[in-house]
Amino acid sequence: MSLFASSNSQSSTFKNVPSGLHLARCYRIVDLGTQKSEFEGKANFSRKVMICWEIHGDESVTTDKNEPMAIFKTYTLSLNDKAALRADLQSWRGRAFTQEELNRFDLKNVLGHWCMVNVIQKPVGDKVYSNVASLAPVPQVVKGSGLPEGHNKLDIFNIAEPDMKLFETFGKNIKFKIESSPEWKARMSTGFDDMETDLKDDESDIPF
């Protein structure tokens, strides 16, 4: 399957993606492996995946290198009823998954596809972070006027078959998460079938 990594195109001077609805293209997916989290004092272990988009628009969403800003969201790798990944993908597609698609969906299908990303800014202590609040299909009027050319190379990082050149471009926090996962530690014998699903593009207006 496909996954995320930090973008080499991002400026050395950190800028938050502005709040609001932005045209965006999915360019990277990163398998983070199984990660530990805590809720109400209880430890929870779940497989995580990071999806990254490049933002297109005016100068407010470009870096000081005049390149598209980027934003990412980390998901639990699940398509169950309450999963955020399922909700966001269905909102992006503008259509619910069929049971067949839910049984076997390959995330690489979203790479290179466009959507509208709703960004909100959230203060945490003395810092402000930009978060992906929701996704939506690109309106027909926007498609009709022509989509811009994508900027970043399309990449997937899969722990089962790690691209080490891509891995070396990741920031230290992403590397640490991946390296701490049991899948990374046992990657020579770990399969990746549970992250795949077949999808047929039988409706032209559905992006994936």
Protein backbone atom coordinates (compact mmCIF):
# COMPACT_ATOMS: atom_id res chain seq x y z
CA MET A 1 0.00 0.00 0.00
CA SER A 2 0.94 3.68 0.03
CA LEU A 3 1.77 6.13 2.86
CA PHE A 4 3.22 9.58 4.00
CA ALA A 5 6.49 11.50 4.52
CA SER A 6 7.57 15.08 5.21
CA SER A 7 7.81 17.22 2.08
CA ASN A 8 11.20 18.33 0.79
CA SER A 9 9.38 21.17 -0.92
CA GLN A 10 8.39 22.81 2.34
CA SER A 11 10.08 26.00 3.30
CA SER A 12 12.72 26.09 6.01
CA THR A 13 10.61 28.83 7.59
CA PHE A 14 7.52 27.19 9.06
CA LYS A 15 4.18 28.55 7.91
CA ASN A 16 0.74 27.32 8.89
CA VAL A 17 -1.73 26.51 6.15
CA PRO A 18 -4.44 29.20 6.50
CA SER A 19 -7.88 28.25 7.77
CA GLY A 20 -10.54 27.69 5.13
CA LEU A 21 -11.37 25.50 2.16
CA HIS A 22 -8.44 24.81 -0.19
CA LEU A 23 -7.89 22.93 -3.42
CA ALA A 24 -5.49 20.09 -2.68
CA ARG A 25 -3.80 17.07 -4.28
CA CYS A 26 -2.84 13.91 -2.43
CA TYR A 27 0.82 13.25 -3.11
CA ARG A 28 2.07 11.01 -0.34
CA ILE A 29 0.95 8.18 1.93
CA VAL A 30 3.08 6.76 4.74
CA ASP A 31 2.69 3.56 6.71
CA LEU A 32 3.51 4.38 10.32
CA GLY A 33 2.96 0.85 11.59
CA THR A 34 1.27 0.04 14.89
CA GLN A 35 1.41 2.95 17.32
CA LYS A 36 0.55 3.27 20.99
CA SER A 37 -1.92 5.84 22.26
CA GLU A 38 -3.69 6.38 25.57
CA PHE A 39 -7.32 7.20 26.31
CA GLU A 40 -8.63 7.62 29.84
CA GLY A 41 -5.51 5.99 31.18
CA LYS A 42 -5.76 2.91 28.99
CA ALA A 43 -3.17 2.03 26.36
CA ASN A 44 -4.37 1.33 22.86
CA PHE A 45 -2.42 -0.08 19.92
CA SER A 46 -3.58 0.51 16.35
CA ARG A 47 -2.13 0.60 12.85
CA LYS A 48 -1.63 4.16 11.63
CA VAL A 49 -1.29 5.76 8.22
CA MET A 50 -0.45 9.32 7.27
CA ILE A 51 -1.91 11.02 4.19
CA CYS A 52 -0.36 14.21 2.85
CA TRP A 53 -1.75 16.85 0.48
CA GLU A 54 -0.17 19.75 -1.37
CA ILE A 55 -2.27 22.93 -1.23
CA HIS A 56 -2.91 24.98 -4.37
CA GLY A 57 -4.10 28.58 -4.56
CA ASP A 58 -2.75 32.09 -4.22
CA GLU A 59 0.38 33.32 -2.43
CA SER A 60 -1.23 32.71 0.97
CA VAL A 61 -0.78 28.95 0.49
CA THR A 62 2.73 28.97 -0.98
CA THR A 63 6.06 28.74 0.83
CA ASP A 64 8.77 31.38 0.63
CA LYS A 65 10.20 29.22 -2.18
CA ASN A 66 6.97 29.78 -4.13
CA GLU A 67 5.99 26.11 -3.78
CA PRO A 68 2.67 24.65 -2.56
CA MET A 69 2.32 24.34 1.18
CA ALA A 70 1.60 20.85 2.51
CA ILE A 71 -0.65 19.43 5.19
CA PHE A 72 -1.15 15.92 6.50
CA LYS A 73 -3.51 13.91 8.67
CA THR A 74 -2.83 10.70 10.59
CA TYR A 75 -5.51 8.03 10.58
CA THR A 76 -6.12 4.68 12.21
CA LEU A 77 -5.95 2.19 9.35
CA SER A 78 -9.56 1.07 9.53
CA LEU A 79 -12.71 1.32 7.45
CA ASN A 80 -15.15 0.36 10.20
CA ASP A 81 -18.36 2.33 10.75
CA LYS A 82 -16.84 4.94 13.07
CA ALA A 83 -13.39 5.21 11.51
CA ALA A 84 -12.23 8.71 10.56
CA LEU A 85 -10.47 7.29 7.49
CA ARG A 86 -13.72 5.85 6.15
CA ALA A 87 -15.64 9.05 6.85
CA ASP A 88 -13.05 11.25 5.15
CA LEU A 89 -12.60 9.00 2.12
CA GLN A 90 -16.36 8.74 1.58
CA SER A 91 -16.74 12.49 1.92
CA TRP A 92 -13.89 12.93 -0.57
CA ARG A 93 -15.44 10.51 -3.04
CA GLY A 94 -18.93 11.88 -2.59
CA ARG A 95 -20.21 8.33 -2.32
CA ALA A 96 -20.29 5.57 0.28
CA PHE A 97 -18.14 2.48 -0.13
CA THR A 98 -19.77 -0.74 -1.24
CA GLN A 99 -19.29 -3.76 0.99
CA GLU A 100 -16.89 -5.22 -1.59
CA GLU A 101 -14.76 -2.08 -1.46
CA LEU A 102 -14.80 -2.09 2.34
CA ASN A 103 -13.50 -5.64 2.33
CA ARG A 104 -10.47 -4.78 0.23
CA PHE A 105 -9.45 -1.19 -0.50
CA ASP A 106 -5.97 -0.18 -1.65
CA LEU A 107 -5.09 3.27 -0.35
CA LYS A 108 -2.79 3.90 -3.29
CA ASN A 109 -5.97 4.68 -5.26
CA VAL A 110 -6.14 8.13 -3.64
CA LEU A 111 -2.64 9.18 -4.78
CA GLY A 112 -2.67 11.97 -7.31
CA HIS A 113 -6.36 12.73 -6.82
CA TRP A 114 -7.70 16.19 -6.05
CA CYS A 115 -10.08 17.27 -3.33
CA MET A 116 -11.13 20.25 -1.26
CA VAL A 117 -9.47 20.29 2.17
CA ASN A 118 -11.14 22.20 4.98
CA VAL A 119 -8.40 23.47 7.30
CA ILE A 120 -8.87 24.77 10.82
CA GLN A 121 -6.22 26.26 13.08
CA LYS A 122 -5.99 25.08 16.66
CA PRO A 123 -3.92 26.77 19.39
CA VAL A 124 -1.96 24.40 21.62
CA GLY A 125 -0.11 26.26 24.36
CA ASP A 126 1.86 29.05 22.71
CA LYS A 127 1.71 27.43 19.27
CA VAL A 128 -0.93 27.22 16.55
CA TYR A 129 -1.37 24.13 14.39
CA SER A 130 -3.24 23.69 11.11
CA ASN A 131 -5.43 20.57 11.02
CA VAL A 132 -7.45 18.85 8.31
CA ALA A 133 -11.05 19.10 9.50
CA SER A 134 -12.78 17.50 6.51
CA LEU A 135 -12.50 16.60 2.84
CA ALA A 136 -14.88 17.14 -0.07
CA PRO A 137 -14.95 16.51 -3.83
CA VAL A 138 -13.71 19.23 -6.16
CA PRO A 139 -16.75 21.17 -7.49
CA GLN A 140 -17.51 20.78 -11.18
CA VAL A 141 -17.08 24.51 -11.74
CA VAL A 142 -13.49 24.24 -10.47
CA LYS A 143 -12.82 21.16 -12.61
CA GLY A 144 -14.30 22.95 -15.60
CA SER A 145 -11.88 25.83 -15.28
CA GLY A 146 -8.95 23.40 -15.23
CA LEU A 147 -6.94 21.93 -12.39
CA PRO A 148 -3.34 23.09 -11.86
CA GLU A 149 -0.38 20.85 -12.50
CA GLY A 150 0.70 18.75 -9.53
CA HIS A 151 3.96 19.78 -7.90
CA ASN A 152 5.26 16.88 -5.81
CA LYS A 153 6.22 13.39 -6.94
CA LEU A 154 3.66 10.76 -5.91
CA ASP A 155 5.10 8.58 -3.13
CA ILE A 156 4.04 5.67 -0.96
CA PHE A 157 6.05 4.33 1.95
CA ASN A 158 5.19 0.76 2.87
CA ILE A 159 6.92 -0.84 5.86
CA ALA A 160 6.60 -4.26 4.23
CA GLU A 161 8.67 -3.04 1.27
CA PRO A 162 10.44 0.08 2.56
CA ASP A 163 11.82 2.64 0.14
CA MET A 164 14.87 3.68 2.14
CA LYS A 165 15.64 6.70 -0.05
CA LEU A 166 12.18 8.02 0.70
CA PHE A 167 12.56 7.09 4.38
CA GLU A 168 15.69 9.23 4.64
CA THR A 169 13.71 12.31 3.56
CA PHE A 170 11.38 12.00 6.57
CA GLY A 171 11.70 14.18 9.63
CA LYS A 172 13.10 12.62 12.80
CA ASN A 173 9.69 12.35 14.47
CA ILE A 174 8.23 10.36 11.58
CA LYS A 175 11.32 8.15 11.45
CA PHE A 176 11.07 7.50 15.19
CA LYS A 177 7.41 6.47 14.92
CA ILE A 178 8.10 4.10 12.06
CA GLU A 179 11.19 2.59 13.70
CA SER A 180 9.32 2.04 16.97
CA SER A 181 6.57 0.01 15.31
CA PRO A 182 6.61 -3.80 15.60
CA GLU A 183 6.08 -4.02 11.84
CA TRP A 184 9.32 -2.15 11.19
CA LYS A 185 11.23 -4.35 13.60
CA ALA A 186 9.92 -7.45 11.86
CA ARG A 187 9.59 -5.99 8.35
CA MET A 188 11.52 -8.78 6.65
CA SER A 189 8.74 -11.22 7.50
CA THR A 190 5.70 -8.96 7.75
CA GLY A 191 3.05 -8.88 5.02
CA PHE A 192 0.87 -5.95 4.09
CA ASP A 193 -2.33 -7.56 2.82
CA ASP A 194 -4.49 -5.99 5.50
CA MET A 195 -3.88 -2.54 4.00
CA GLU A 196 -5.13 -3.36 0.53
CA THR A 197 -8.52 -3.23 -1.12
CA ASP A 198 -9.53 -3.49 -4.75
CA LEU A 199 -11.47 -0.57 -6.19
CA LYS A 200 -13.07 -0.34 -9.62
CA ASP A 201 -13.45 3.09 -11.15
CA ASP A 202 -16.82 2.28 -12.69
CA GLU A 203 -18.24 5.77 -12.18
CA SER A 204 -16.33 8.52 -13.98
CA ASP A 205 -17.26 11.25 -11.52
CA ILE A 206 -15.89 9.37 -8.51
CA PRO A 207 -12.18 10.21 -8.06
CA PHE A 208 -11.15 6.80 -6.75
